[in-house]
């Protein structure tokens, strides 16, 4: 998974510091939103030819890592 996560760049002057794919202006948030709206990987890649399959998998891996934390519930 660390290979996938190395595809991200975070630049304060690009997309307000959101994680983007390989220095492009395509944010992880964009890819996740497209997938959530029902777009397939093929449809996304047809619209954004600069994206690779690994970029889309990397966005999913990033989201999974962000959600992988303990939840503390107050008694």
N, C-alpha and C. Protein backbone atom coordinates (compact mmCIF):
# COMPACT_ATOMS: atom_id res chain seq x y z
N UNK A 1 0.82 -1.19 0.00
CA UNK A 1 0.00 0.00 0.00
C UNK A 1 0.86 1.25 0.00
N UNK A 2 2.04 1.20 0.59
CA UNK A 2 2.88 2.40 0.64
C UNK A 2 3.29 2.85 -0.75
N UNK A 3 3.41 1.91 -1.70
CA UNK A 3 3.71 2.31 -3.08
C UNK A 3 2.57 3.15 -3.65
N UNK A 4 1.35 2.74 -3.36
CA UNK A 4 0.20 3.50 -3.84
C UNK A 4 0.16 4.88 -3.20
N UNK A 5 0.43 4.94 -1.92
CA UNK A 5 0.35 6.22 -1.22
C UNK A 5 1.45 7.19 -1.66
N UNK A 6 2.50 6.67 -2.27
CA UNK A 6 3.56 7.56 -2.75
C UNK A 6 3.13 8.34 -3.99
N UNK A 7 1.96 8.06 -4.52
CA UNK A 7 1.44 8.77 -5.70
C UNK A 7 0.86 10.13 -5.36
N UNK A 8 0.80 10.48 -4.08
CA UNK A 8 0.18 11.73 -3.66
C UNK A 8 1.18 12.84 -3.47
N UNK A 9 0.72 14.03 -3.77
CA UNK A 9 1.48 15.23 -3.45
C UNK A 9 0.55 16.18 -2.72
N UNK A 10 1.11 16.92 -1.80
CA UNK A 10 0.35 17.93 -1.08
C UNK A 10 1.13 19.23 -1.21
N UNK A 11 0.52 20.19 -1.89
CA UNK A 11 1.15 21.49 -2.11
C UNK A 11 0.17 22.56 -1.62
N UNK A 12 0.66 23.44 -0.76
CA UNK A 12 -0.23 24.44 -0.18
C UNK A 12 -0.86 25.36 -1.22
N UNK A 13 -0.20 25.56 -2.34
CA UNK A 13 -0.72 26.46 -3.37
C UNK A 13 -1.55 25.74 -4.43
N UNK A 14 -1.81 24.46 -4.23
CA UNK A 14 -2.58 23.68 -5.21
C UNK A 14 -3.74 23.00 -4.50
N UNK A 15 -4.94 23.31 -4.92
CA UNK A 15 -6.17 22.73 -4.37
C UNK A 15 -6.23 22.89 -2.85
N UNK A 16 -5.76 24.04 -2.38
CA UNK A 16 -5.81 24.41 -0.96
C UNK A 16 -5.12 23.39 -0.06
N UNK A 17 -4.08 22.75 -0.57
CA UNK A 17 -3.32 21.80 0.23
C UNK A 17 -3.93 20.42 0.33
N UNK A 18 -4.97 20.17 -0.44
CA UNK A 18 -5.57 18.83 -0.43
C UNK A 18 -4.63 17.85 -1.15
N UNK A 19 -4.64 16.58 -0.74
CA UNK A 19 -3.80 15.60 -1.43
C UNK A 19 -4.26 15.41 -2.88
N UNK A 20 -3.29 15.52 -3.78
CA UNK A 20 -3.56 15.38 -5.22
C UNK A 20 -2.75 14.21 -5.79
N UNK A 21 -3.13 13.80 -6.96
CA UNK A 21 -2.46 12.69 -7.63
C UNK A 21 -1.26 13.20 -8.42
N UNK A 22 -0.10 12.71 -8.09
CA UNK A 22 1.15 12.93 -8.83
C UNK A 22 1.36 14.37 -9.30
N UNK A 23 1.08 15.34 -8.45
CA UNK A 23 1.34 16.73 -8.80
C UNK A 23 0.29 17.37 -9.70
N UNK A 24 -0.71 16.60 -10.09
CA UNK A 24 -1.79 17.15 -10.91
C UNK A 24 -2.76 17.92 -10.03
N UNK A 25 -3.72 18.54 -10.65
CA UNK A 25 -4.75 19.26 -9.90
C UNK A 25 -5.97 18.38 -9.66
N UNK A 26 -5.80 17.07 -9.76
CA UNK A 26 -6.88 16.13 -9.48
C UNK A 26 -6.67 15.63 -8.05
N UNK A 27 -7.62 15.99 -7.20
CA UNK A 27 -7.51 15.65 -5.77
C UNK A 27 -8.08 14.27 -5.51
N UNK A 28 -7.60 13.66 -4.44
CA UNK A 28 -8.14 12.38 -3.98
C UNK A 28 -9.65 12.52 -3.80
N UNK A 29 -10.05 13.64 -3.23
CA UNK A 29 -11.48 13.93 -3.00
C UNK A 29 -12.27 13.85 -4.31
N UNK A 30 -11.72 14.33 -5.40
CA UNK A 30 -12.40 14.29 -6.70
C UNK A 30 -12.66 12.84 -7.11
N UNK A 31 -11.62 12.02 -7.04
CA UNK A 31 -11.74 10.63 -7.47
C UNK A 31 -12.76 9.89 -6.60
N UNK A 32 -12.69 10.09 -5.30
CA UNK A 32 -13.64 9.43 -4.41
C UNK A 32 -15.07 9.87 -4.70
N UNK A 33 -15.24 11.15 -4.97
CA UNK A 33 -16.57 11.65 -5.32
C UNK A 33 -17.11 11.05 -6.60
N UNK A 34 -16.24 10.92 -7.60
CA UNK A 34 -16.68 10.32 -8.86
C UNK A 34 -17.09 8.87 -8.66
N UNK A 35 -16.29 8.14 -7.89
CA UNK A 35 -16.63 6.74 -7.62
C UNK A 35 -17.93 6.65 -6.84
N UNK A 36 -18.10 7.52 -5.85
CA UNK A 36 -19.32 7.51 -5.04
C UNK A 36 -20.56 7.85 -5.86
N UNK A 37 -20.37 8.66 -6.90
CA UNK A 37 -21.52 9.03 -7.74
C UNK A 37 -21.89 7.94 -8.73
N UNK A 38 -21.07 6.88 -8.78
CA UNK A 38 -21.40 5.75 -9.64
C UNK A 38 -20.53 5.61 -10.88
N UNK A 39 -19.59 6.54 -11.07
CA UNK A 39 -18.71 6.42 -12.23
C UNK A 39 -17.82 5.19 -12.07
N UNK A 40 -17.55 4.52 -13.16
CA UNK A 40 -16.63 3.40 -13.14
C UNK A 40 -15.21 3.90 -13.37
N UNK A 41 -14.25 3.05 -13.08
CA UNK A 41 -12.86 3.42 -13.34
C UNK A 41 -12.67 3.75 -14.82
N UNK A 42 -13.28 2.98 -15.69
CA UNK A 42 -13.15 3.22 -17.13
C UNK A 42 -13.71 4.59 -17.52
N UNK A 43 -14.83 4.97 -16.94
CA UNK A 43 -15.43 6.27 -17.25
C UNK A 43 -14.54 7.41 -16.75
N UNK A 44 -13.99 7.24 -15.56
CA UNK A 44 -13.11 8.28 -15.01
C UNK A 44 -11.88 8.42 -15.89
N UNK A 45 -11.29 7.30 -16.28
CA UNK A 45 -10.07 7.34 -17.08
C UNK A 45 -10.36 7.87 -18.49
N UNK A 46 -11.56 7.66 -19.00
CA UNK A 46 -11.91 8.22 -20.31
C UNK A 46 -12.00 9.74 -20.24
N UNK A 47 -12.51 10.25 -19.12
CA UNK A 47 -12.64 11.70 -18.94
C UNK A 47 -11.31 12.36 -18.58
N UNK A 48 -10.45 11.62 -17.88
CA UNK A 48 -9.17 12.15 -17.40
C UNK A 48 -8.07 11.18 -17.81
N UNK A 49 -7.66 11.29 -19.05
CA UNK A 49 -6.72 10.34 -19.63
C UNK A 49 -5.36 10.30 -18.93
N UNK A 50 -5.03 11.37 -18.20
CA UNK A 50 -3.76 11.40 -17.49
C UNK A 50 -3.75 10.50 -16.25
N UNK A 51 -4.93 10.07 -15.80
CA UNK A 51 -5.01 9.18 -14.65
C UNK A 51 -4.70 7.75 -15.06
N UNK A 52 -4.08 7.03 -14.14
CA UNK A 52 -3.78 5.61 -14.33
C UNK A 52 -4.62 4.81 -13.34
N UNK A 53 -4.80 3.54 -13.62
CA UNK A 53 -5.57 2.68 -12.71
C UNK A 53 -5.01 2.74 -11.30
N UNK A 54 -3.69 2.78 -11.19
CA UNK A 54 -3.05 2.83 -9.87
C UNK A 54 -3.42 4.11 -9.12
N UNK A 55 -3.68 5.19 -9.82
CA UNK A 55 -4.08 6.44 -9.17
C UNK A 55 -5.42 6.27 -8.48
N UNK A 56 -6.33 5.59 -9.14
CA UNK A 56 -7.66 5.38 -8.58
C UNK A 56 -7.58 4.44 -7.38
N UNK A 57 -6.80 3.38 -7.50
CA UNK A 57 -6.59 2.48 -6.35
C UNK A 57 -5.91 3.22 -5.20
N UNK A 58 -5.01 4.11 -5.52
CA UNK A 58 -4.31 4.88 -4.49
C UNK A 58 -5.29 5.78 -3.74
N UNK A 59 -6.25 6.37 -4.44
CA UNK A 59 -7.25 7.20 -3.79
C UNK A 59 -8.08 6.38 -2.80
N UNK A 60 -8.43 5.17 -3.20
CA UNK A 60 -9.18 4.29 -2.30
C UNK A 60 -8.32 3.88 -1.11
N UNK A 61 -7.05 3.60 -1.34
CA UNK A 61 -6.14 3.23 -0.26
C UNK A 61 -5.98 4.39 0.72
N UNK A 62 -5.90 5.60 0.19
CA UNK A 62 -5.78 6.79 1.04
C UNK A 62 -7.00 6.92 1.93
N UNK A 63 -8.18 6.75 1.36
CA UNK A 63 -9.42 6.85 2.13
C UNK A 63 -9.47 5.77 3.20
N UNK A 64 -9.07 4.56 2.85
CA UNK A 64 -9.07 3.46 3.82
C UNK A 64 -8.13 3.77 4.98
N UNK A 65 -6.97 4.30 4.68
CA UNK A 65 -6.00 4.63 5.73
C UNK A 65 -6.53 5.75 6.63
N UNK A 66 -7.20 6.72 6.05
CA UNK A 66 -7.74 7.83 6.85
C UNK A 66 -8.82 7.36 7.83
N UNK A 67 -9.54 6.32 7.46
CA UNK A 67 -10.62 5.82 8.31
C UNK A 67 -10.15 4.76 9.30
N UNK A 68 -8.92 4.33 9.21
CA UNK A 68 -8.40 3.25 10.04
C UNK A 68 -7.83 3.81 11.34
N UNK A 69 -8.72 4.16 12.24
CA UNK A 69 -8.28 4.65 13.55
C UNK A 69 -9.28 4.20 14.60
N UNK A 70 -8.82 4.17 15.81
CA UNK A 70 -9.70 3.75 16.91
C UNK A 70 -10.77 4.80 17.15
N UNK A 71 -11.93 4.32 17.55
CA UNK A 71 -13.04 5.20 17.90
C UNK A 71 -13.27 5.06 19.40
N UNK A 72 -13.22 6.18 20.08
CA UNK A 72 -13.45 6.18 21.53
C UNK A 72 -14.86 6.68 21.79
N UNK A 73 -15.62 5.87 22.51
CA UNK A 73 -17.00 6.23 22.82
C UNK A 73 -17.07 6.56 24.30
N UNK A 74 -17.60 7.72 24.61
CA UNK A 74 -17.74 8.13 26.00
C UNK A 74 -18.80 7.27 26.69
N UNK A 75 -18.51 6.88 27.91
CA UNK A 75 -19.45 6.03 28.66
C UNK A 75 -20.62 6.82 29.17
